[in-house]
Amino acid sequence: MITLKQHIEYLDILESGSIESLEANKKLNLMRAIRDTYPLKMGNTVSEYISNNFTLYDNVFDLVLGQFIMVEKILTGKFKFKKETDLELELATFLFRPKNEIEFDNEEPLKEQQIREEILNIPVQDFYNALNKFLENREYVLFKQFSGVFYESKDKEEVETDEEKESQSYGEDTGVDFNQQWYWYSIVRTLAQEDIRRYAEIYMLKMSVVLPEMSYLAQKNKVEAAQQRAQAALNRL
């Protein structure tokens, strides 16, 4: 089984069309790797290799908030990558962590570079199986179990009121750009009760704590908004 590093190298060769320029032995090795490895089978089992060498975060609940925010920024396109494999590798640095790391800490550049190299040495099938397990869990937690807490449903996103469409057509500032830019920061600010001295503490909260709290706040805001609309309607009578 080839490693993730070899997989990336082979993809680069195939995409660049430079396979014919390879030396005979390298070309033969590449053809064998293609025959023995591909197509990759998208499973969700965690291999013994990964269990023995990494602490794998395959459940959203186990992430701390700061770790979760970075994962979401990567997956939702807030960062730009030249290749899909660059995105996957960057994502993996937040999910495949050292066995001896007690709590998530990515502040040491040399340590992070070593982690990246160790990830590149993972057998490619093992890597994608583990990554897929996390992505399946994320899909369930964010879009079913806690649907609407961080992301609106697609159906709701597509529905705009006539007033919203009209205001946008006249070029009025709806605050969308501001809200998107400061979205995650505003969540930290809310959880810290706007006390900047607590932000570092909030970033280290487990998502198993953050998600129920954010779900409560989201539902509370909806109830209060409905009550305000009802009161406004009564006032107009």
C-alpha atoms as a PDB file:
ATOM      1  CA  MET A   1       0.000   0.000   0.000  1.00  0.00           C
ATOM      2  CA  ILE A   2       1.390   3.384  -0.945  1.00  0.00           C
ATOM      3  CA  THR A   3       1.590   6.278   1.496  1.00  0.00           C
ATOM      4  CA  LEU A   4      -0.330   9.525   1.313  1.00  0.00           C
ATOM      5  CA  LYS A   5       2.885  11.256   0.240  1.00  0.00           C
ATOM      6  CA  GLN A   6       3.327   8.850  -2.664  1.00  0.00           C
ATOM      7  CA  HIS A   7      -0.345   9.235  -3.582  1.00  0.00           C
ATOM      8  CA  ILE A   8       0.080  13.015  -3.846  1.00  0.00           C
ATOM      9  CA  GLU A   9       3.259  12.626  -5.903  1.00  0.00           C
ATOM     10  CA  TYR A  10       1.563  10.183  -8.285  1.00  0.00           C
ATOM     11  CA  LEU A  11      -1.430  12.472  -8.721  1.00  0.00           C
ATOM     12  CA  ASP A  12       0.889  15.355  -9.562  1.00  0.00           C
ATOM     13  CA  ILE A  13       2.636  13.224 -12.201  1.00  0.00           C
ATOM     14  CA  LEU A  14      -0.615  12.033 -13.748  1.00  0.00           C
ATOM     15  CA  GLU A  15      -2.212  15.481 -13.757  1.00  0.00           C
ATOM     16  CA  SER A  16       0.863  17.090 -15.292  1.00  0.00           C
ATOM     17  CA  GLY A  17       1.034  14.449 -18.034  1.00  0.00           C
ATOM     18  CA  SER A  18       4.717  13.845 -17.348  1.00  0.00           C
ATOM     19  CA  ILE A  19       4.462  10.072 -16.879  1.00  0.00           C
ATOM     20  CA  GLU A  20       6.085   9.373 -20.239  1.00  0.00           C
ATOM     21  CA  SER A  21       9.195  11.299 -19.225  1.00  0.00           C
ATOM     22  CA  LEU A  22       9.834   9.104 -16.172  1.00  0.00           C
ATOM     23  CA  GLU A  23      12.685   6.652 -16.044  1.00  0.00           C
ATOM     24  CA  ALA A  24      11.597   3.097 -16.832  1.00  0.00           C
ATOM     25  CA  ASN A  25      11.812   1.796 -13.233  1.00  0.00           C
ATOM     26  CA  LYS A  26       9.909   4.793 -11.824  1.00  0.00           C
ATOM     27  CA  LYS A  27       7.272   4.451 -14.498  1.00  0.00           C
ATOM     28  CA  LEU A  28       6.930   0.746 -13.699  1.00  0.00           C
ATOM     29  CA  ASN A  29       6.566   1.477  -9.971  1.00  0.00           C
ATOM     30  CA  LEU A  30       3.896   4.044 -10.711  1.00  0.00           C
ATOM     31  CA  MET A  31       1.933   1.652 -12.902  1.00  0.00           C
ATOM     32  CA  ARG A  32       2.109  -1.047 -10.227  1.00  0.00           C
ATOM     33  CA  ALA A  33       0.917   1.395  -7.583  1.00  0.00           C
ATOM     34  CA  ILE A  34      -2.014   2.400  -9.753  1.00  0.00           C
ATOM     35  CA  ARG A  35      -2.918  -1.236 -10.341  1.00  0.00           C
ATOM     36  CA  ASP A  36      -2.630  -2.279  -6.675  1.00  0.00           C
ATOM     37  CA  THR A  37      -4.106   0.793  -4.977  1.00  0.00           C
ATOM     38  CA  TYR A  38      -6.740   2.396  -7.141  1.00  0.00           C
ATOM     39  CA  PRO A  39      -9.571   3.027  -7.142  1.00  0.00           C
ATOM     40  CA  LEU A  40      -9.564   3.829  -3.445  1.00  0.00           C
ATOM     41  CA  LYS A  41     -12.472   2.337  -1.520  1.00  0.00           C
ATOM     42  CA  MET A  42     -14.189   4.954   0.629  1.00  0.00           C
ATOM     43  CA  GLY A  43     -14.762   3.206   3.932  1.00  0.00           C
ATOM     44  CA  ASN A  44     -14.939   4.598   7.454  1.00  0.00           C
ATOM     45  CA  THR A  45     -12.905   2.176   9.537  1.00  0.00           C
ATOM     46  CA  VAL A  46      -9.911   3.318  11.566  1.00  0.00           C
ATOM     47  CA  SER A  47      -6.886   1.144  10.908  1.00  0.00           C
ATOM     48  CA  GLU A  48      -4.552  -0.252  13.536  1.00  0.00           C
ATOM     49  CA  TYR A  49      -1.773   1.863  12.046  1.00  0.00           C
ATOM     50  CA  ILE A  50      -3.661   5.093  12.771  1.00  0.00           C
ATOM     51  CA  SER A  51      -4.821   3.943  16.204  1.00  0.00           C
ATOM     52  CA  ASN A  52      -1.241   3.108  17.165  1.00  0.00           C
ATOM     53  CA  ASN A  53       0.325   6.313  15.851  1.00  0.00           C
ATOM     54  CA  PHE A  54      -2.257   9.070  16.287  1.00  0.00           C
ATOM     55  CA  THR A  55      -5.041  10.397  18.417  1.00  0.00           C
ATOM     56  CA  LEU A  56      -7.736  10.647  15.766  1.00  0.00           C
ATOM     57  CA  TYR A  57     -10.547  13.153  16.238  1.00  0.00           C
ATOM     58  CA  ASP A  58     -13.329  11.414  14.325  1.00  0.00           C
ATOM     59  CA  ASN A  59     -16.196  12.887  16.350  1.00  0.00           C
ATOM     60  CA  VAL A  60     -17.154  16.568  16.355  1.00  0.00           C
ATOM     61  CA  PHE A  61     -17.976  16.389  20.067  1.00  0.00           C
ATOM     62  CA  ASP A  62     -14.333  15.628  20.891  1.00  0.00           C
ATOM     63  CA  LEU A  63     -12.961  18.758  19.212  1.00  0.00           C
ATOM     64  CA  VAL A  64     -12.339  21.948  21.136  1.00  0.00           C
ATOM     65  CA  LEU A  65     -14.021  25.052  19.743  1.00  0.00           C
ATOM     66  CA  GLY A  66     -10.866  26.606  18.289  1.00  0.00           C
ATOM     67  CA  GLN A  67     -10.007  23.330  16.568  1.00  0.00           C
ATOM     68  CA  PHE A  68     -13.573  23.017  15.259  1.00  0.00           C
ATOM     69  CA  ILE A  69     -13.550  26.565  13.881  1.00  0.00           C
ATOM     70  CA  MET A  70     -10.378  25.917  11.886  1.00  0.00           C
ATOM     71  CA  VAL A  71     -11.821  22.675  10.511  1.00  0.00           C
ATOM     72  CA  GLU A  72     -14.985  24.487   9.432  1.00  0.00           C
ATOM     73  CA  LYS A  73     -13.058  27.323   7.800  1.00  0.00           C
ATOM     74  CA  ILE A  74     -11.116  24.773   5.759  1.00  0.00           C
ATOM     75  CA  LEU A  75     -14.198  22.802   4.730  1.00  0.00           C
ATOM     76  CA  THR A  76     -16.298  25.852   3.854  1.00  0.00           C
ATOM     77  CA  GLY A  77     -13.704  27.462   1.609  1.00  0.00           C
ATOM     78  CA  LYS A  78     -12.489  30.292   3.847  1.00  0.00           C
ATOM     79  CA  PHE A  79      -8.929  29.295   2.937  1.00  0.00           C
ATOM     80  CA  LYS A  80      -7.763  28.805  -0.634  1.00  0.00           C
ATOM     81  CA  PHE A  81      -5.711  25.782  -1.686  1.00  0.00           C
ATOM     82  CA  LYS A  82      -4.072  25.017  -5.016  1.00  0.00           C
ATOM     83  CA  LYS A  83      -5.061  21.345  -4.889  1.00  0.00           C
ATOM     84  CA  GLU A  84      -7.652  19.188  -3.177  1.00  0.00           C
ATOM     85  CA  THR A  85      -4.882  17.183  -1.528  1.00  0.00           C
ATOM     86  CA  ASP A  86      -3.491  20.392   0.021  1.00  0.00           C
ATOM     87  CA  LEU A  87      -6.886  20.987   1.637  1.00  0.00           C
ATOM     88  CA  GLU A  88      -7.075  17.388   2.855  1.00  0.00           C
ATOM     89  CA  LEU A  89      -3.594  17.518   4.353  1.00  0.00           C
ATOM     90  CA  GLU A  90      -4.289  20.818   6.114  1.00  0.00           C
ATOM     91  CA  LEU A  91      -7.560  19.424   7.469  1.00  0.00           C
ATOM     92  CA  ALA A  92      -5.752  16.314   8.678  1.00  0.00           C
ATOM     93  CA  THR A  93      -3.350  18.366  10.803  1.00  0.00           C
ATOM     94  CA  PHE A  94      -6.316  19.284  13.014  1.00  0.00           C
ATOM     95  CA  LEU A  95      -7.702  15.737  13.217  1.00  0.00           C
ATOM     96  CA  PHE A  96      -4.632  13.476  13.370  1.00  0.00           C
ATOM     97  CA  ARG A  97      -2.800  14.511  16.517  1.00  0.00           C
ATOM     98  CA  PRO A  98       0.126  13.043  18.516  1.00  0.00           C
ATOM     99  CA  LYS A  99      -0.666  10.272  20.972  1.00  0.00           C
ATOM    100  CA  ASN A 100       1.038  12.189  23.790  1.00  0.00           C
ATOM    101  CA  GLU A 101      -0.862  15.448  23.247  1.00  0.00           C
ATOM    102  CA  ILE A 102      -3.127  15.860  26.278  1.00  0.00           C
ATOM    103  CA  GLU A 103      -5.158  18.726  24.808  1.00  0.00           C
ATOM    104  CA  PHE A 104      -5.144  20.271  21.355  1.00  0.00           C
ATOM    105  CA  ASP A 105      -2.195  22.625  20.903  1.00  0.00           C
ATOM    106  CA  ASN A 106      -0.865  23.664  17.497  1.00  0.00           C
ATOM    107  CA  GLU A 107       1.248  26.627  18.579  1.00  0.00           C
ATOM    108  CA  GLU A 108       4.669  25.032  17.959  1.00  0.00           C
ATOM    109  CA  PRO A 109       5.722  25.219  14.270  1.00  0.00           C
ATOM    110  CA  LEU A 110       8.378  22.487  14.504  1.00  0.00           C
ATOM    111  CA  LYS A 111       5.943  20.114  16.167  1.00  0.00           C
ATOM    112  CA  GLU A 112       3.314  20.848  13.511  1.00  0.00           C
ATOM    113  CA  GLN A 113       5.792  20.190  10.718  1.00  0.00           C
ATOM    114  CA  GLN A 114       6.637  16.817  12.274  1.00  0.00           C
ATOM    115  CA  ILE A 115       2.932  15.966  12.532  1.00  0.00           C
ATOM    116  CA  ARG A 116       2.497  16.848   8.864  1.00  0.00           C
ATOM    117  CA  GLU A 117       5.357  14.522   7.883  1.00  0.00           C
ATOM    118  CA  GLU A 118       3.899  11.698   9.967  1.00  0.00           C
ATOM    119  CA  ILE A 119       0.510  12.173   8.310  1.00  0.00           C
ATOM    120  CA  LEU A 120       2.149  11.949   4.883  1.00  0.00           C
ATOM    121  CA  ASN A 121       3.522   8.535   5.864  1.00  0.00           C
ATOM    122  CA  ILE A 122       0.048   7.098   6.572  1.00  0.00           C
ATOM    123  CA  PRO A 123      -1.055   4.392   4.093  1.00  0.00           C
ATOM    124  CA  VAL A 124      -3.307   6.251   1.682  1.00  0.00           C
ATOM    125  CA  GLN A 125      -6.342   3.973   2.108  1.00  0.00           C
ATOM    126  CA  ASP A 126      -6.083   4.235   5.902  1.00  0.00           C
ATOM    127  CA  PHE A 127      -5.883   8.014   5.636  1.00  0.00           C
ATOM    128  CA  TYR A 128      -9.018   8.439   3.542  1.00  0.00           C
ATOM    129  CA  ASN A 129     -11.010   5.913   5.563  1.00  0.00           C
ATOM    130  CA  ALA A 130     -10.265   7.834   8.771  1.00  0.00           C
ATOM    131  CA  LEU A 131     -10.946  11.204   7.152  1.00  0.00           C
ATOM    132  CA  ASN A 132     -14.217   9.893   5.770  1.00  0.00           C
ATOM    133  CA  LYS A 133     -15.271   8.700   9.221  1.00  0.00           C
ATOM    134  CA  PHE A 134     -14.917  12.225  10.564  1.00  0.00           C
ATOM    135  CA  LEU A 135     -16.749  13.774   7.617  1.00  0.00           C
ATOM    136  CA  GLU A 136     -19.672  11.364   8.043  1.00  0.00           C
ATOM    137  CA  ASN A 137     -19.880  12.226  11.736  1.00  0.00           C
ATOM    138  CA  ARG A 138     -19.711  15.958  10.956  1.00  0.00           C
ATOM    139  CA  GLU A 139     -22.554  15.625   8.460  1.00  0.00           C
ATOM    140  CA  TYR A 140     -24.727  13.877  11.055  1.00  0.00           C
ATOM    141  CA  VAL A 141     -23.910  16.175  13.984  1.00  0.00           C
ATOM    142  CA  LEU A 142     -24.112  19.544  12.207  1.00  0.00           C
ATOM    143  CA  PHE A 143     -26.912  18.890   9.728  1.00  0.00           C
ATOM    144  CA  LYS A 144     -29.142  16.403  11.554  1.00  0.00           C
ATOM    145  CA  GLN A 145     -28.480  16.223  15.280  1.00  0.00           C
ATOM    146  CA  PHE A 146     -27.886  19.986  15.641  1.00  0.00           C
ATOM    147  CA  SER A 147     -29.424  21.179  12.396  1.00  0.00           C
ATOM    148  CA  GLY A 148     -29.692  24.959  12.126  1.00  0.00           C
ATOM    149  CA  VAL A 149     -27.301  25.744  14.987  1.00  0.00           C
ATOM    150  CA  PHE A 150     -24.345  26.832  12.855  1.00  0.00           C
ATOM    151  CA  TYR A 151     -25.690  26.487   9.323  1.00  0.00           C
ATOM    152  CA  GLU A 152     -29.141  27.111   7.944  1.00  0.00           C
ATOM    153  CA  SER A 153     -30.750  24.331   5.932  1.00  0.00           C
ATOM    154  CA  LYS A 154     -30.384  24.650   2.156  1.00  0.00           C
ATOM    155  CA  ASP A 155     -34.117  25.129   1.739  1.00  0.00           C
ATOM    156  CA  LYS A 156     -34.133  28.009   4.184  1.00  0.00           C
ATOM    157  CA  GLU A 157     -31.081  29.613   2.602  1.00  0.00           C
ATOM    158  CA  GLU A 158     -32.863  29.670  -0.752  1.00  0.00           C
ATOM    159  CA  VAL A 159     -35.924  31.471   0.622  1.00  0.00           C
ATOM    160  CA  GLU A 160     -35.721  35.263   0.647  1.00  0.00           C
ATOM    161  CA  THR A 161     -38.496  37.660   1.504  1.00  0.00           C
ATOM    162  CA  ASP A 162     -39.591  40.268  -1.019  1.00  0.00           C
ATOM    163  CA  GLU A 163     -38.216  42.973   1.272  1.00  0.00           C
ATOM    164  CA  GLU A 164     -34.772  41.301   1.373  1.00  0.00           C
ATOM    165  CA  LYS A 165     -34.679  40.996  -2.414  1.00  0.00           C
ATOM    166  CA  GLU A 166     -35.774  44.609  -2.829  1.00  0.00           C
ATOM    167  CA  SER A 167     -33.179  45.954  -0.416  1.00  0.00           C
ATOM    168  CA  GLN A 168     -30.438  43.993  -2.171  1.00  0.00           C
ATOM    169  CA  SER A 169     -31.593  45.216  -5.582  1.00  0.00           C
ATOM    170  CA  TYR A 170     -31.168  48.831  -4.430  1.00  0.00           C
ATOM    171  CA  GLY A 171     -27.666  48.048  -3.187  1.00  0.00           C
ATOM    172  CA  GLU A 172     -28.417  48.535   0.480  1.00  0.00           C
ATOM    173  CA  ASP A 173     -25.874  47.151   2.915  1.00  0.00           C
ATOM    174  CA  THR A 174     -27.542  44.128   4.522  1.00  0.00           C
ATOM    175  CA  GLY A 175     -24.527  43.359   6.704  1.00  0.00           C
ATOM    176  CA  VAL A 176     -24.015  39.966   5.058  1.00  0.00           C
ATOM    177  CA  ASP A 177     -20.289  40.487   4.458  1.00  0.00           C
ATOM    178  CA  PHE A 178     -19.770  41.694   8.027  1.00  0.00           C
ATOM    179  CA  ASN A 179     -21.669  38.750   9.492  1.00  0.00           C
ATOM    180  CA  GLN A 180     -19.725  36.251   7.395  1.00  0.00           C
ATOM    181  CA  GLN A 181     -16.381  37.800   8.229  1.00  0.00           C
ATOM    182  CA  TRP A 182     -17.012  37.835  11.985  1.00  0.00           C
ATOM    183  CA  TYR A 183     -19.292  34.811  12.266  1.00  0.00           C
ATOM    184  CA  TRP A 184     -17.069  32.537  14.366  1.00  0.00           C
ATOM    185  CA  TYR A 185     -15.664  35.429  16.380  1.00  0.00           C
ATOM    186  CA  SER A 186     -19.182  36.511  17.288  1.00  0.00           C
ATOM    187  CA  ILE A 187     -19.898  33.002  18.605  1.00  0.00           C
ATOM    188  CA  VAL A 188     -16.807  33.117  20.832  1.00  0.00           C
ATOM    189  CA  ARG A 189     -17.806  36.611  21.953  1.00  0.00           C
ATOM    190  CA  THR A 190     -21.305  35.420  22.836  1.00  0.00           C
ATOM    191  CA  LEU A 191     -20.077  32.413  24.803  1.00  0.00           C
ATOM    192  CA  ALA A 192     -17.581  34.610  26.658  1.00  0.00           C
ATOM    193  CA  GLN A 193     -20.378  37.079  27.475  1.00  0.00           C
ATOM    194  CA  GLU A 194     -18.303  39.720  25.653  1.00  0.00           C
ATOM    195  CA  ASP A 195     -15.478  39.393  28.186  1.00  0.00           C
ATOM    196  CA  ILE A 196     -12.330  39.387  26.047  1.00  0.00           C
ATOM    197  CA  ARG A 197     -10.313  38.027  28.966  1.00  0.00           C
ATOM    198  CA  ARG A 198     -12.199  34.730  28.633  1.00  0.00           C
ATOM    199  CA  TYR A 199     -11.704  34.187  24.888  1.00  0.00           C
ATOM    200  CA  ALA A 200      -8.734  31.814  25.262  1.00  0.00           C
ATOM    201  CA  GLU A 201     -10.773  29.742  27.717  1.00  0.00           C
ATOM    202  CA  ILE A 202     -13.749  29.635  25.330  1.00  0.00           C
ATOM    203  CA  TYR A 203     -11.608  28.454  22.405  1.00  0.00           C
ATOM    204  CA  MET A 204     -10.625  25.425  24.500  1.00  0.00           C
ATOM    205  CA  LEU A 205     -14.196  24.390  25.371  1.00  0.00           C
ATOM    206  CA  LYS A 206     -15.185  20.952  24.101  1.00  0.00           C
ATOM    207  CA  MET A 207     -17.806  20.894  21.370  1.00  0.00           C
ATOM    208  CA  SER A 208     -19.803  18.503  23.556  1.00  0.00           C
ATOM    209  CA  VAL A 209     -20.354  21.577  25.754  1.00  0.00           C
ATOM    210  CA  VAL A 210     -20.588  24.222  23.027  1.00  0.00           C
ATOM    211  CA  LEU A 211     -23.138  22.515  20.765  1.00  0.00           C
ATOM    212  CA  PRO A 212     -25.937  22.100  23.356  1.00  0.00           C
ATOM    213  CA  GLU A 213     -25.387  25.675  24.538  1.00  0.00           C
ATOM    214  CA  MET A 214     -25.492  27.086  21.004  1.00  0.00           C
ATOM    215  CA  SER A 215     -28.575  24.996  20.251  1.00  0.00           C
ATOM    216  CA  TYR A 216     -30.292  26.432  23.340  1.00  0.00           C
ATOM    217  CA  LEU A 217     -29.356  29.995  22.372  1.00  0.00           C
ATOM    218  CA  ALA A 218     -30.527  29.489  18.782  1.00  0.00           C
ATOM    219  CA  GLN A 219     -33.925  28.161  19.898  1.00  0.00           C
ATOM    220  CA  LYS A 220     -34.244  30.876  22.551  1.00  0.00           C
ATOM    221  CA  ASN A 221     -33.582  33.576  19.928  1.00  0.00           C
ATOM    222  CA  LYS A 222     -36.238  32.083  17.639  1.00  0.00           C
ATOM    223  CA  VAL A 223     -38.826  32.031  20.424  1.00  0.00           C
ATOM    224  CA  GLU A 224     -38.048  35.618  21.427  1.00  0.00           C
ATOM    225  CA  ALA A 225     -38.184  36.789  17.797  1.00  0.00           C
ATOM    226  CA  ALA A 226     -41.582  35.100  17.330  1.00  0.00           C
ATOM    227  CA  GLN A 227     -42.871  36.742  20.494  1.00  0.00           C
ATOM    228  CA  GLN A 228     -41.659  40.148  19.306  1.00  0.00           C
ATOM    229  CA  ARG A 229     -43.377  39.716  15.953  1.00  0.00           C
ATOM    230  CA  ALA A 230     -46.592  38.685  17.678  1.00  0.00           C
ATOM    231  CA  GLN A 231     -46.422  41.697  19.985  1.00  0.00           C
ATOM    232  CA  ALA A 232     -45.721  44.004  17.050  1.00  0.00           C
ATOM    233  CA  ALA A 233     -48.768  42.614  15.248  1.00  0.00           C
ATOM    234  CA  LEU A 234     -50.956  43.224  18.310  1.00  0.00           C
ATOM    235  CA  ASN A 235     -49.656  46.776  18.598  1.00  0.00           C
ATOM    236  CA  ARG A 236     -50.803  47.474  15.059  1.00  0.00           C
ATOM    237  CA  LEU A 237     -54.401  46.471  15.832  1.00  0.00           C
END
